[in-house]
Amino acid sequence: MKKTNLLILLLVASLVACSPSKKVTRVSADTQTDLSGRWNDTDARLVAEEMIDDALSKPWYQNFRQANSEVPVAMVGRVRNETMEHIDTEVFTKELERAFVNSGMVDVVAGINEAEQLRQVRTDQQRYASIESAAAMGKELGADYLIIGNISSILDETDNGREAAIFYTVNLEMVDVETSRKVWIGNKKIKKIIERRRFRGR
């Protein structure tokens, strides 16, 4: 009986000693990280900033300002994920909105899903809120332009899986809501090389 208990203790101690350890370090949210080589928050932020900078430098913007006495109003629509991996495209579209708003050159209105929620709130206020505090109906700011696009990728890897390359392409289009005319088409490419190193003894 004692030998059995001793063997069990030795087995448990061996399993604990062989189990991998984990270390968690808190870092700033804007720290660039790339652990897997897949699309991540850093890619979303950098691509959004570069593409919005490009969009605002193109002729459509100055043409609009010359024809109007106000800044253009944009709505960020759907960006499709056409890659083979899971990408939360809402993270990317929010980065696009942030880049637009922070530029101070474009007014950004709520997307279609957000607009539906706001309309429901205004409808409820007409019924339940006081006349003085209820938000007025028919005061929405109409969008002049809609941003749509897609993210696609190509994966190329060696037969043994030790090295891989991921090629991402982000395409965005700015479309005039009234005329359906495309006034800007942007493209951003990212290529990542991933080297998978095996632990010694494996």
Protein backbone atom coordinates (compact mmCIF):
# COMPACT_ATOMS: atom_id res chain seq x y z
CA MET A 1 0.00 0.00 0.00
CA LYS A 2 2.81 2.38 0.93
CA LYS A 3 4.66 1.54 -2.27
CA THR A 4 1.53 2.27 -4.31
CA ASN A 5 1.08 5.68 -2.65
CA LEU A 6 4.75 6.46 -3.22
CA LEU A 7 4.45 5.57 -6.90
CA ILE A 8 1.39 7.80 -7.24
CA LEU A 9 3.21 10.72 -5.58
CA LEU A 10 6.22 10.23 -7.85
CA LEU A 11 3.96 10.09 -10.91
CA VAL A 12 2.13 13.30 -9.92
CA ALA A 13 5.43 15.07 -9.20
CA SER A 14 6.75 13.97 -12.60
CA LEU A 15 3.66 15.27 -14.41
CA VAL A 16 3.85 18.61 -12.59
CA ALA A 17 7.54 18.96 -13.41
CA CYS A 18 6.92 18.22 -17.09
CA SER A 19 3.90 20.52 -17.47
CA PRO A 20 4.57 23.74 -19.39
CA SER A 21 4.76 26.95 -17.42
CA LYS A 22 2.90 30.10 -18.36
CA LYS A 23 3.97 33.70 -17.98
CA VAL A 24 1.60 36.60 -18.61
CA THR A 25 2.92 40.12 -19.07
CA ARG A 26 0.71 43.19 -19.37
CA VAL A 27 1.69 45.53 -22.20
CA SER A 28 0.28 48.70 -23.71
CA ALA A 29 -2.74 48.06 -25.96
CA ASP A 30 -0.96 49.71 -28.90
CA THR A 31 2.13 47.49 -28.60
CA GLN A 32 2.82 45.73 -31.88
CA THR A 33 2.59 41.96 -31.46
CA ASP A 34 2.70 39.21 -34.05
CA LEU A 35 2.73 35.81 -32.35
CA SER A 36 1.02 33.64 -34.95
CA GLY A 37 1.66 35.60 -38.14
CA ARG A 38 -2.09 35.81 -38.74
CA TRP A 39 -4.10 39.00 -39.22
CA ASN A 40 -4.25 40.86 -35.89
CA ASP A 41 -5.18 44.17 -34.24
CA THR A 42 -1.91 45.80 -35.30
CA ASP A 43 -2.63 44.99 -38.95
CA ALA A 44 -6.15 46.41 -38.62
CA ARG A 45 -4.91 49.67 -37.11
CA LEU A 46 -1.96 50.27 -39.45
CA VAL A 47 -3.85 49.34 -42.62
CA ALA A 48 -6.82 51.52 -41.66
CA GLU A 49 -4.63 54.55 -40.95
CA GLU A 50 -2.62 54.19 -44.17
CA MET A 51 -5.67 53.64 -46.37
CA ILE A 52 -7.64 56.55 -44.92
CA ASP A 53 -4.60 58.83 -45.32
CA ASP A 54 -4.44 57.72 -48.95
CA ALA A 55 -8.17 58.27 -49.50
CA LEU A 56 -8.09 61.80 -48.10
CA SER A 57 -5.15 62.76 -50.32
CA LYS A 58 -6.97 61.91 -53.56
CA PRO A 59 -8.86 64.37 -55.87
CA TRP A 60 -12.39 63.41 -54.77
CA TYR A 61 -11.88 65.15 -51.44
CA GLN A 62 -10.81 68.53 -52.81
CA ASN A 63 -13.47 68.27 -55.51
CA PHE A 64 -16.14 67.83 -52.85
CA ARG A 65 -14.85 70.71 -50.73
CA GLN A 66 -14.78 73.04 -53.74
CA ALA A 67 -18.35 72.14 -54.65
CA ASN A 68 -19.68 72.29 -51.08
CA SER A 69 -19.22 74.51 -48.07
CA GLU A 70 -18.94 71.59 -45.66
CA VAL A 71 -16.89 68.46 -45.12
CA PRO A 72 -18.09 65.19 -46.67
CA VAL A 73 -20.09 62.71 -44.61
CA ALA A 74 -19.00 59.07 -44.76
CA MET A 75 -20.46 55.80 -43.58
CA VAL A 76 -18.26 52.72 -43.15
CA GLY A 77 -20.15 49.74 -44.49
CA ARG A 78 -19.36 46.06 -44.72
CA VAL A 79 -15.84 44.75 -45.21
CA ARG A 80 -16.02 41.09 -46.22
CA ASN A 81 -13.62 38.49 -44.86
CA GLU A 82 -12.63 36.33 -47.84
CA THR A 83 -9.67 34.66 -46.13
CA MET A 84 -9.55 31.11 -44.79
CA GLU A 85 -9.08 32.33 -41.21
CA HIS A 86 -11.37 33.95 -38.69
CA ILE A 87 -11.09 37.75 -38.85
CA ASP A 88 -13.33 40.02 -36.83
CA THR A 89 -13.88 42.61 -39.55
CA GLU A 90 -15.71 44.88 -37.10
CA VAL A 91 -12.35 45.59 -35.46
CA PHE A 92 -11.09 46.79 -38.84
CA THR A 93 -14.17 48.88 -39.66
CA LYS A 94 -13.95 50.57 -36.26
CA GLU A 95 -10.32 51.41 -37.00
CA LEU A 96 -11.46 52.95 -40.29
CA GLU A 97 -14.03 55.06 -38.46
CA ARG A 98 -11.44 56.13 -35.90
CA ALA A 99 -8.95 57.15 -38.59
CA PHE A 100 -11.64 59.17 -40.40
CA VAL A 101 -12.85 60.92 -37.24
CA ASN A 102 -9.34 61.68 -35.97
CA SER A 103 -8.40 63.22 -39.32
CA GLY A 104 -10.95 65.99 -38.72
CA MET A 105 -11.55 66.06 -42.47
CA VAL A 106 -14.67 63.88 -42.67
CA ASP A 107 -17.83 63.52 -40.63
CA VAL A 108 -18.69 59.88 -39.86
CA VAL A 109 -22.24 58.66 -39.29
CA ALA A 110 -23.42 55.43 -37.69
CA GLY A 111 -23.46 52.29 -39.79
CA ILE A 112 -26.66 50.55 -40.87
CA ASN A 113 -26.97 48.33 -37.77
CA GLU A 114 -26.15 51.18 -35.39
CA ALA A 115 -28.57 53.48 -37.21
CA GLU A 116 -31.40 50.98 -36.69
CA GLN A 117 -30.74 50.99 -32.94
CA LEU A 118 -30.69 54.78 -32.85
CA ARG A 119 -33.98 54.97 -34.75
CA GLN A 120 -35.57 52.60 -32.25
CA VAL A 121 -34.32 54.79 -29.38
CA ARG A 122 -35.78 57.92 -31.01
CA THR A 123 -39.08 56.12 -31.65
CA ASP A 124 -39.26 55.05 -27.99
CA GLN A 125 -38.46 58.60 -26.87
CA GLN A 126 -41.41 59.96 -28.84
CA ARG A 127 -43.62 57.76 -26.69
CA TYR A 128 -41.94 57.69 -23.31
CA ALA A 129 -39.66 60.73 -22.96
CA SER A 130 -40.73 64.28 -22.18
CA ILE A 131 -41.31 66.61 -25.13
CA GLU A 132 -38.39 68.79 -24.03
CA SER A 133 -35.86 65.93 -23.86
CA ALA A 134 -37.00 63.67 -26.72
CA ALA A 135 -34.68 63.58 -29.73
CA ALA A 136 -36.37 64.95 -32.84
CA MET A 137 -37.18 62.67 -35.77
CA GLY A 138 -35.89 63.34 -39.26
CA LYS A 139 -32.64 64.97 -38.14
CA GLU A 140 -30.20 62.28 -39.28
CA LEU A 141 -27.12 63.40 -41.17
CA GLY A 142 -27.18 61.73 -44.57
CA ALA A 143 -24.01 60.04 -45.82
CA ASP A 144 -22.40 61.36 -48.99
CA TYR A 145 -20.11 58.34 -49.33
CA LEU A 146 -20.11 54.67 -48.33
CA ILE A 147 -16.91 52.68 -47.70
CA ILE A 148 -17.05 48.99 -48.61
CA GLY A 149 -14.38 46.36 -49.27
CA ASN A 150 -12.87 42.97 -48.58
CA ILE A 151 -9.85 41.23 -47.05
CA SER A 152 -8.39 38.24 -48.91
CA SER A 153 -5.29 36.11 -48.36
CA ILE A 154 -3.03 33.52 -49.96
CA LEU A 155 -1.12 30.97 -47.87
CA ASP A 156 2.04 29.36 -49.21
CA GLU A 157 3.99 26.91 -47.06
CA THR A 158 6.68 24.26 -47.33
CA ASP A 159 5.78 20.57 -47.39
CA ASN A 160 7.08 20.02 -43.86
CA GLY A 161 5.21 23.06 -42.53
CA ARG A 162 8.37 24.60 -41.09
CA GLU A 163 8.06 27.82 -43.11
CA ALA A 164 5.04 29.67 -44.46
CA ALA A 165 4.20 32.95 -46.14
CA ILE A 166 0.84 34.70 -45.79
CA PHE A 167 -0.07 37.36 -48.32
CA TYR A 168 -2.97 39.65 -47.36
CA THR A 169 -4.73 42.04 -49.72
CA VAL A 170 -7.14 44.69 -48.43
CA ASN A 171 -9.37 46.41 -50.98
CA LEU A 172 -11.54 49.40 -50.12
CA GLU A 173 -13.86 51.46 -52.30
CA MET A 174 -15.51 54.80 -51.61
CA VAL A 175 -18.84 55.08 -53.40
CA ASP A 176 -20.99 58.18 -53.91
CA VAL A 177 -24.31 57.24 -52.25
CA GLU A 178 -26.39 59.40 -54.60
CA THR A 179 -24.82 58.45 -57.93
CA SER A 180 -23.17 55.07 -57.11
CA ARG A 181 -19.97 56.48 -58.63
CA LYS A 182 -16.74 55.09 -57.22
CA VAL A 183 -14.56 58.06 -56.32
CA TRP A 184 -11.66 56.20 -54.70
CA ILE A 185 -10.31 52.64 -54.78
CA GLY A 186 -7.59 51.74 -52.30
CA ASN A 187 -5.41 48.66 -52.02
CA LYS A 188 -3.00 47.60 -49.29
CA LYS A 189 -0.84 44.48 -49.30
CA ILE A 190 0.84 42.73 -46.35
CA LYS A 191 3.23 39.79 -46.60
CA LYS A 192 4.38 37.81 -43.57
CA ILE A 193 7.00 35.07 -43.34
CA ILE A 194 6.46 32.55 -40.55
CA GLU A 195 9.24 30.23 -39.37
CA ARG A 196 8.16 27.42 -37.09
CA ARG A 197 11.00 26.22 -34.88
CA ARG A 198 10.71 22.91 -33.10
CA PHE A 199 11.85 22.43 -29.54
CA ARG A 200 14.98 20.37 -28.99
CA GLY A 201 14.40 16.71 -28.45
CA ARG A 202 11.26 16.68 -30.58
